[in-house]
Amino acid sequence: MRTIYRSVMAHEGTLVPIAEGRATPLGRTALWWCLGLGVGMVGGELVNLARLGTVGLPDAAHASPLVAATLTLWPWGLAVAAGALLMAGMRPASRIGIDRRTAALIRRTGAPAIAKVMRASEPTPGPRAGLDATLLIRTPTGYMFSTDVHWTLDPVDAGSVRKRSVLPVRLDQSAPRRAVLDTQADSRAFAPGIDLDTAFSARRRLRQMADRTRWSSRIAVLVSGAAGLLLVAV
């Protein structure tokens, strides 16, 4: 297994290593190939539909509506399935539980960052509210990654963890996906110089995803996309 370490500057003088290794790079390239092939064939169908008024199925397909529907829809299914598997492979492997002692240590020594809450469970009732959250972390350098955490918070702090809210967090220097809510941060200016409306935009996330994609995967999706387009449109 090859592991690539990307160092992210958390604050001046501090480097936070983030592991980006994949156990099966060949399998991921195959998924990119399937994604490109499916998208290319869908593009070919749309070209034929605009040019000829039909998706351009083989003559044999017209003898059976089931075969015609299958040949029309399977490129869409191939693209969606490959894309879903690629996205699933980018998710954290497991939810990280952080106890109170560890959380206090990370708040004192961790690197500052901000996080957008993508999902959050309802806090459990009681003096210490437990909740599960999926976070999209953004470091001061603009690098983003996801993590799933289980936090135990005071009820007042737990109430601030809502879907789509942006919160100050602290990251474990040795394991950045161990993130805790920074309850000591100034709520009025916890992200100086950062436009919170665009910090987690889809455009930024897609650009980073493209930058992190291997050249082998980029070539696979481009070549297979062209092949799929030619296969259907020509």
C-alpha atoms as a PDB file:
ATOM      1  CA  MET A   1       0.000   0.000   0.000  1.00  0.00           C
ATOM      2  CA  ARG A   2       1.420   3.327  -0.990  1.00  0.00           C
ATOM      3  CA  THR A   3       0.673   6.242   1.329  1.00  0.00           C
ATOM      4  CA  ILE A   4       1.121   9.833   0.271  1.00  0.00           C
ATOM      5  CA  TYR A   5       1.365  12.473   2.990  1.00  0.00           C
ATOM      6  CA  ARG A   6       0.179  15.978   2.260  1.00  0.00           C
ATOM      7  CA  SER A   7       1.304  18.577   4.785  1.00  0.00           C
ATOM      8  CA  VAL A   8      -1.150  21.321   5.582  1.00  0.00           C
ATOM      9  CA  MET A   9      -0.037  24.484   7.320  1.00  0.00           C
ATOM     10  CA  ALA A  10      -2.419  24.815  10.246  1.00  0.00           C
ATOM     11  CA  HIS A  11      -0.779  27.929  11.599  1.00  0.00           C
ATOM     12  CA  GLU A  12       2.678  29.415  11.426  1.00  0.00           C
ATOM     13  CA  GLY A  13       5.294  26.865  12.361  1.00  0.00           C
ATOM     14  CA  THR A  14       2.915  23.899  12.549  1.00  0.00           C
ATOM     15  CA  LEU A  15       2.512  21.192   9.932  1.00  0.00           C
ATOM     16  CA  VAL A  16      -0.434  18.812  10.046  1.00  0.00           C
ATOM     17  CA  PRO A  17       0.065  15.590   8.011  1.00  0.00           C
ATOM     18  CA  ILE A  18      -3.008  14.250   6.263  1.00  0.00           C
ATOM     19  CA  ALA A  19      -2.802  10.760   4.778  1.00  0.00           C
ATOM     20  CA  GLU A  20      -4.206  10.542   1.264  1.00  0.00           C
ATOM     21  CA  GLY A  21      -3.108   6.992   0.443  1.00  0.00           C
ATOM     22  CA  ARG A  22      -5.468   4.513  -1.208  1.00  0.00           C
ATOM     23  CA  ALA A  23      -5.151   0.775  -0.755  1.00  0.00           C
ATOM     24  CA  THR A  24      -6.380  -0.025  -4.285  1.00  0.00           C
ATOM     25  CA  PRO A  25      -5.374   2.750  -6.732  1.00  0.00           C
ATOM     26  CA  LEU A  26      -5.938   0.405  -9.695  1.00  0.00           C
ATOM     27  CA  GLY A  27      -9.523  -0.194  -8.540  1.00  0.00           C
ATOM     28  CA  ARG A  28     -10.135   3.544  -8.302  1.00  0.00           C
ATOM     29  CA  THR A  29      -8.757   4.053 -11.808  1.00  0.00           C
ATOM     30  CA  ALA A  30     -11.165   1.365 -13.038  1.00  0.00           C
ATOM     31  CA  LEU A  31     -14.047   3.264 -11.428  1.00  0.00           C
ATOM     32  CA  TRP A  32     -12.926   6.470 -13.135  1.00  0.00           C
ATOM     33  CA  TRP A  33     -12.853   4.521 -16.413  1.00  0.00           C
ATOM     34  CA  CYS A  34     -16.441   3.336 -15.845  1.00  0.00           C
ATOM     35  CA  LEU A  35     -17.522   6.863 -14.921  1.00  0.00           C
ATOM     36  CA  GLY A  36     -15.991   8.306 -18.084  1.00  0.00           C
ATOM     37  CA  LEU A  37     -17.450   5.539 -20.252  1.00  0.00           C
ATOM     38  CA  GLY A  38     -20.928   6.032 -18.803  1.00  0.00           C
ATOM     39  CA  VAL A  39     -20.818   9.824 -19.111  1.00  0.00           C
ATOM     40  CA  GLY A  40     -19.438   9.572 -22.657  1.00  0.00           C
ATOM     41  CA  MET A  41     -22.208   7.205 -23.728  1.00  0.00           C
ATOM     42  CA  VAL A  42     -24.843   9.430 -22.129  1.00  0.00           C
ATOM     43  CA  GLY A  43     -23.324  12.350 -24.031  1.00  0.00           C
ATOM     44  CA  GLY A  44     -23.522  10.311 -27.250  1.00  0.00           C
ATOM     45  CA  GLU A  45     -27.198   9.560 -26.615  1.00  0.00           C
ATOM     46  CA  LEU A  46     -27.910  13.255 -26.080  1.00  0.00           C
ATOM     47  CA  VAL A  47     -26.011  14.172 -29.254  1.00  0.00           C
ATOM     48  CA  ASN A  48     -28.027  11.645 -31.238  1.00  0.00           C
ATOM     49  CA  LEU A  49     -31.245  12.863 -29.662  1.00  0.00           C
ATOM     50  CA  ALA A  50     -30.488  16.464 -30.632  1.00  0.00           C
ATOM     51  CA  ARG A  51     -29.254  15.573 -34.116  1.00  0.00           C
ATOM     52  CA  LEU A  52     -31.503  12.678 -35.134  1.00  0.00           C
ATOM     53  CA  GLY A  53     -34.428  12.800 -32.712  1.00  0.00           C
ATOM     54  CA  THR A  54     -33.492   9.349 -31.352  1.00  0.00           C
ATOM     55  CA  VAL A  55     -30.826   7.991 -29.000  1.00  0.00           C
ATOM     56  CA  GLY A  56     -29.458   5.800 -31.798  1.00  0.00           C
ATOM     57  CA  LEU A  57     -30.121   2.285 -30.526  1.00  0.00           C
ATOM     58  CA  PRO A  58     -29.196  -0.791 -32.650  1.00  0.00           C
ATOM     59  CA  ASP A  59     -31.942  -2.086 -34.937  1.00  0.00           C
ATOM     60  CA  ALA A  60     -32.273  -5.253 -32.835  1.00  0.00           C
ATOM     61  CA  ALA A  61     -33.302  -3.173 -29.809  1.00  0.00           C
ATOM     62  CA  HIS A  62     -36.504  -1.996 -31.508  1.00  0.00           C
ATOM     63  CA  ALA A  63     -37.884  -5.533 -31.455  1.00  0.00           C
ATOM     64  CA  SER A  64     -38.190  -5.467 -27.655  1.00  0.00           C
ATOM     65  CA  PRO A  65     -39.172  -2.456 -25.509  1.00  0.00           C
ATOM     66  CA  LEU A  66     -37.330  -4.044 -22.554  1.00  0.00           C
ATOM     67  CA  VAL A  67     -34.082  -4.333 -24.511  1.00  0.00           C
ATOM     68  CA  ALA A  68     -34.497  -0.793 -25.813  1.00  0.00           C
ATOM     69  CA  ALA A  69     -35.050   0.588 -22.291  1.00  0.00           C
ATOM     70  CA  THR A  70     -32.081  -1.370 -20.955  1.00  0.00           C
ATOM     71  CA  LEU A  71     -29.703  -0.146 -23.664  1.00  0.00           C
ATOM     72  CA  THR A  72     -30.932   3.422 -23.170  1.00  0.00           C
ATOM     73  CA  LEU A  73     -30.624   3.524 -19.388  1.00  0.00           C
ATOM     74  CA  TRP A  74     -27.584   1.371 -18.620  1.00  0.00           C
ATOM     75  CA  PRO A  75     -25.008   4.122 -19.435  1.00  0.00           C
ATOM     76  CA  TRP A  76     -26.779   6.360 -16.907  1.00  0.00           C
ATOM     77  CA  GLY A  77     -26.693   3.569 -14.341  1.00  0.00           C
ATOM     78  CA  LEU A  78     -23.006   2.902 -15.041  1.00  0.00           C
ATOM     79  CA  ALA A  79     -22.099   6.569 -14.546  1.00  0.00           C
ATOM     80  CA  VAL A  80     -24.193   6.945 -11.388  1.00  0.00           C
ATOM     81  CA  ALA A  81     -22.892   3.708  -9.837  1.00  0.00           C
ATOM     82  CA  ALA A  82     -19.236   4.542 -10.557  1.00  0.00           C
ATOM     83  CA  GLY A  83     -19.663   8.081  -9.245  1.00  0.00           C
ATOM     84  CA  ALA A  84     -21.381   6.842  -6.084  1.00  0.00           C
ATOM     85  CA  LEU A  85     -18.610   4.315  -5.388  1.00  0.00           C
ATOM     86  CA  LEU A  86     -15.939   6.972  -5.913  1.00  0.00           C
ATOM     87  CA  MET A  87     -17.695   9.316  -3.484  1.00  0.00           C
ATOM     88  CA  ALA A  88     -18.125   6.495  -0.970  1.00  0.00           C
ATOM     89  CA  GLY A  89     -14.394   5.792  -1.157  1.00  0.00           C
ATOM     90  CA  MET A  90     -13.667   9.377  -0.135  1.00  0.00           C
ATOM     91  CA  ARG A  91     -15.691   9.096   3.054  1.00  0.00           C
ATOM     92  CA  PRO A  92     -13.934   8.537   6.410  1.00  0.00           C
ATOM     93  CA  ALA A  93     -13.534   4.869   7.260  1.00  0.00           C
ATOM     94  CA  SER A  94     -15.263   5.097  10.645  1.00  0.00           C
ATOM     95  CA  ARG A  95     -16.786   7.519  13.144  1.00  0.00           C
ATOM     96  CA  ILE A  96     -14.284   8.874  15.651  1.00  0.00           C
ATOM     97  CA  GLY A  97     -15.361   9.021  19.265  1.00  0.00           C
ATOM     98  CA  ILE A  98     -13.563  11.657  21.357  1.00  0.00           C
ATOM     99  CA  ASP A  99     -13.819  11.528  25.136  1.00  0.00           C
ATOM    100  CA  ARG A 100     -13.857  14.632  27.344  1.00  0.00           C
ATOM    101  CA  ARG A 101     -10.210  14.365  28.427  1.00  0.00           C
ATOM    102  CA  THR A 102      -8.963  13.986  24.862  1.00  0.00           C
ATOM    103  CA  ALA A 103     -11.199  16.834  23.705  1.00  0.00           C
ATOM    104  CA  ALA A 104      -9.788  19.143  26.391  1.00  0.00           C
ATOM    105  CA  LEU A 105      -6.231  18.272  25.323  1.00  0.00           C
ATOM    106  CA  ILE A 106      -6.956  18.935  21.643  1.00  0.00           C
ATOM    107  CA  ARG A 107      -8.564  22.286  22.496  1.00  0.00           C
ATOM    108  CA  ARG A 108      -5.353  23.338  24.258  1.00  0.00           C
ATOM    109  CA  THR A 109      -2.812  22.013  21.763  1.00  0.00           C
ATOM    110  CA  GLY A 110      -4.696  21.507  18.483  1.00  0.00           C
ATOM    111  CA  ALA A 111      -4.479  23.474  15.263  1.00  0.00           C
ATOM    112  CA  PRO A 112      -7.324  25.940  14.595  1.00  0.00           C
ATOM    113  CA  ALA A 113      -9.653  25.408  11.646  1.00  0.00           C
ATOM    114  CA  ILE A 114     -13.293  25.867  10.685  1.00  0.00           C
ATOM    115  CA  ALA A 115     -15.863  23.199   9.883  1.00  0.00           C
ATOM    116  CA  LYS A 116     -19.185  23.077   8.091  1.00  0.00           C
ATOM    117  CA  VAL A 117     -21.675  20.664   9.601  1.00  0.00           C
ATOM    118  CA  MET A 118     -22.902  18.424   6.782  1.00  0.00           C
ATOM    119  CA  ARG A 119     -25.012  16.197   9.054  1.00  0.00           C
ATOM    120  CA  ALA A 120     -25.774  16.203  12.765  1.00  0.00           C
ATOM    121  CA  SER A 121     -27.884  13.975  14.967  1.00  0.00           C
ATOM    122  CA  GLU A 122     -30.187  15.235  17.688  1.00  0.00           C
ATOM    123  CA  PRO A 123     -28.247  15.670  20.962  1.00  0.00           C
ATOM    124  CA  THR A 124     -29.058  13.124  23.618  1.00  0.00           C
ATOM    125  CA  PRO A 125     -30.861  14.640  26.625  1.00  0.00           C
ATOM    126  CA  GLY A 126     -29.011  15.202  29.889  1.00  0.00           C
ATOM    127  CA  PRO A 127     -26.268  17.369  31.391  1.00  0.00           C
ATOM    128  CA  ARG A 128     -23.777  15.985  28.827  1.00  0.00           C
ATOM    129  CA  ALA A 129     -25.267  15.866  25.343  1.00  0.00           C
ATOM    130  CA  GLY A 130     -23.831  13.312  22.940  1.00  0.00           C
ATOM    131  CA  LEU A 131     -24.209  13.737  19.186  1.00  0.00           C
ATOM    132  CA  ASP A 132     -22.846  12.395  15.912  1.00  0.00           C
ATOM    133  CA  ALA A 133     -21.699  14.869  13.278  1.00  0.00           C
ATOM    134  CA  THR A 134     -20.253  14.747   9.783  1.00  0.00           C
ATOM    135  CA  LEU A 135     -17.941  17.698   9.271  1.00  0.00           C
ATOM    136  CA  LEU A 136     -16.253  19.268   6.278  1.00  0.00           C
ATOM    137  CA  ILE A 137     -13.044  20.724   7.691  1.00  0.00           C
ATOM    138  CA  ARG A 138     -11.280  23.704   6.103  1.00  0.00           C
ATOM    139  CA  THR A 139      -7.775  24.579   7.270  1.00  0.00           C
ATOM    140  CA  PRO A 140      -6.416  28.160   7.048  1.00  0.00           C
ATOM    141  CA  THR A 141      -4.622  27.183   3.819  1.00  0.00           C
ATOM    142  CA  GLY A 142      -7.942  26.278   2.175  1.00  0.00           C
ATOM    143  CA  TYR A 143      -7.406  22.500   2.233  1.00  0.00           C
ATOM    144  CA  MET A 144     -10.659  20.586   2.915  1.00  0.00           C
ATOM    145  CA  PHE A 145     -11.411  17.073   4.131  1.00  0.00           C
ATOM    146  CA  SER A 146     -14.291  15.222   5.793  1.00  0.00           C
ATOM    147  CA  THR A 147     -14.519  13.529   9.163  1.00  0.00           C
ATOM    148  CA  ASP A 148     -17.210  11.765  11.178  1.00  0.00           C
ATOM    149  CA  VAL A 149     -17.075  12.427  14.915  1.00  0.00           C
ATOM    150  CA  HIS A 150     -18.986  11.683  18.100  1.00  0.00           C
ATOM    151  CA  TRP A 151     -18.895  14.593  20.539  1.00  0.00           C
ATOM    152  CA  THR A 152     -20.044  14.905  24.140  1.00  0.00           C
ATOM    153  CA  LEU A 153     -20.855  18.562  24.845  1.00  0.00           C
ATOM    154  CA  ASP A 154     -22.658  20.851  27.214  1.00  0.00           C
ATOM    155  CA  PRO A 155     -26.282  21.235  26.035  1.00  0.00           C
ATOM    156  CA  VAL A 156     -25.691  24.899  25.098  1.00  0.00           C
ATOM    157  CA  ASP A 157     -22.717  24.009  22.888  1.00  0.00           C
ATOM    158  CA  ALA A 158     -24.533  21.003  21.426  1.00  0.00           C
ATOM    159  CA  GLY A 159     -27.352  23.309  20.312  1.00  0.00           C
ATOM    160  CA  SER A 160     -24.938  25.173  18.010  1.00  0.00           C
ATOM    161  CA  VAL A 161     -24.097  22.012  16.053  1.00  0.00           C
ATOM    162  CA  ARG A 162     -26.753  22.186  13.351  1.00  0.00           C
ATOM    163  CA  LYS A 163     -26.727  21.158   9.705  1.00  0.00           C
ATOM    164  CA  ARG A 164     -25.070  23.805   7.471  1.00  0.00           C
ATOM    165  CA  SER A 165     -23.706  25.767  10.418  1.00  0.00           C
ATOM    166  CA  VAL A 166     -20.019  26.801  10.340  1.00  0.00           C
ATOM    167  CA  LEU A 167     -18.118  26.297  13.587  1.00  0.00           C
ATOM    168  CA  PRO A 168     -14.602  26.831  14.950  1.00  0.00           C
ATOM    169  CA  VAL A 169     -12.770  23.586  15.628  1.00  0.00           C
ATOM    170  CA  ARG A 170      -9.385  22.372  16.782  1.00  0.00           C
ATOM    171  CA  LEU A 171      -7.549  19.508  15.056  1.00  0.00           C
ATOM    172  CA  ASP A 172      -5.330  16.899  16.641  1.00  0.00           C
ATOM    173  CA  GLN A 173      -1.861  17.691  15.262  1.00  0.00           C
ATOM    174  CA  SER A 174      -0.998  14.012  14.720  1.00  0.00           C
ATOM    175  CA  ALA A 175      -4.428  12.904  13.449  1.00  0.00           C
ATOM    176  CA  PRO A 176      -6.306  15.837  11.863  1.00  0.00           C
ATOM    177  CA  ARG A 177      -9.579  13.949  11.508  1.00  0.00           C
ATOM    178  CA  ARG A 178      -9.826  13.998  15.307  1.00  0.00           C
ATOM    179  CA  ALA A 179     -11.582  17.363  15.473  1.00  0.00           C
ATOM    180  CA  VAL A 180     -13.266  18.972  18.472  1.00  0.00           C
ATOM    181  CA  LEU A 181     -15.544  21.976  18.832  1.00  0.00           C
ATOM    182  CA  ASP A 182     -13.459  24.977  19.870  1.00  0.00           C
ATOM    183  CA  THR A 183     -15.633  26.267  22.696  1.00  0.00           C
ATOM    184  CA  GLN A 184     -12.992  28.875  23.618  1.00  0.00           C
ATOM    185  CA  ALA A 185     -12.981  30.597  20.214  1.00  0.00           C
ATOM    186  CA  ASP A 186     -14.335  34.126  19.843  1.00  0.00           C
ATOM    187  CA  SER A 187     -17.723  33.547  18.193  1.00  0.00           C
ATOM    188  CA  ARG A 188     -17.596  37.026  16.611  1.00  0.00           C
ATOM    189  CA  ALA A 189     -14.331  36.519  14.721  1.00  0.00           C
ATOM    190  CA  PHE A 190     -13.283  32.873  14.676  1.00  0.00           C
ATOM    191  CA  ALA A 191     -12.451  32.931  10.950  1.00  0.00           C
ATOM    192  CA  PRO A 192     -10.692  36.236  10.216  1.00  0.00           C
ATOM    193  CA  GLY A 193     -10.186  36.950   6.527  1.00  0.00           C
ATOM    194  CA  ILE A 194     -12.366  34.045   5.382  1.00  0.00           C
ATOM    195  CA  ASP A 195     -15.625  34.563   3.522  1.00  0.00           C
ATOM    196  CA  LEU A 196     -17.863  31.971   5.156  1.00  0.00           C
ATOM    197  CA  ASP A 197     -20.384  32.193   2.290  1.00  0.00           C
ATOM    198  CA  THR A 198     -17.847  30.855  -0.224  1.00  0.00           C
ATOM    199  CA  ALA A 199     -15.356  28.992   2.010  1.00  0.00           C
ATOM    200  CA  PHE A 200     -17.120  25.655   1.452  1.00  0.00           C
ATOM    201  CA  SER A 201     -18.584  26.306  -1.997  1.00  0.00           C
ATOM    202  CA  ALA A 202     -19.145  23.416  -4.391  1.00  0.00           C
ATOM    203  CA  ARG A 203     -16.758  25.076  -6.837  1.00  0.00           C
ATOM    204  CA  ARG A 204     -13.908  25.027  -4.310  1.00  0.00           C
ATOM    205  CA  ARG A 205     -14.639  21.426  -3.384  1.00  0.00           C
ATOM    206  CA  LEU A 206     -14.721  20.286  -7.006  1.00  0.00           C
ATOM    207  CA  ARG A 207     -11.477  22.135  -7.759  1.00  0.00           C
ATOM    208  CA  GLN A 208      -9.738  20.434  -4.847  1.00  0.00           C
ATOM    209  CA  MET A 209     -11.139  17.049  -5.884  1.00  0.00           C
ATOM    210  CA  ALA A 210      -9.751  17.585  -9.391  1.00  0.00           C
ATOM    211  CA  ASP A 211      -6.362  18.627  -7.999  1.00  0.00           C
ATOM    212  CA  ARG A 212      -6.199  15.476  -5.839  1.00  0.00           C
ATOM    213  CA  THR A 213      -7.117  13.109  -8.678  1.00  0.00           C
ATOM    214  CA  ARG A 214      -4.227  11.038 -10.000  1.00  0.00           C
ATOM    215  CA  TRP A 215      -3.071  11.572 -13.564  1.00  0.00           C
ATOM    216  CA  SER A 216      -3.828   7.920 -14.316  1.00  0.00           C
ATOM    217  CA  SER A 217      -7.442   8.508 -13.263  1.00  0.00           C
ATOM    218  CA  ARG A 218      -7.689  11.736 -15.277  1.00  0.00           C
ATOM    219  CA  ILE A 219      -6.399   9.970 -18.372  1.00  0.00           C
ATOM    220  CA  ALA A 220      -8.753   7.037 -17.792  1.00  0.00           C
ATOM    221  CA  VAL A 221     -11.852   9.225 -17.520  1.00  0.00           C
ATOM    222  CA  LEU A 222     -10.918  11.316 -20.588  1.00  0.00           C
ATOM    223  CA  VAL A 223     -10.070   8.327 -22.808  1.00  0.00           C
ATOM    224  CA  SER A 224     -13.109   6.303 -21.724  1.00  0.00           C
ATOM    225  CA  GLY A 225     -15.357   9.353 -22.094  1.00  0.00           C
ATOM    226  CA  ALA A 226     -14.206   9.867 -25.672  1.00  0.00           C
ATOM    227  CA  ALA A 227     -14.631   6.139 -26.374  1.00  0.00           C
ATOM    228  CA  GLY A 228     -18.160   6.138 -24.955  1.00  0.00           C
ATOM    229  CA  LEU A 229     -19.129   9.218 -26.968  1.00  0.00           C
ATOM    230  CA  LEU A 230     -17.784   7.732 -30.223  1.00  0.00           C
ATOM    231  CA  LEU A 231     -19.320   4.339 -29.510  1.00  0.00           C
ATOM    232  CA  VAL A 232     -22.833   5.778 -29.360  1.00  0.00           C
ATOM    233  CA  ALA A 233     -22.665   8.869 -31.569  1.00  0.00           C
ATOM    234  CA  VAL A 234     -20.779   7.414 -34.550  1.00  0.00           C
END
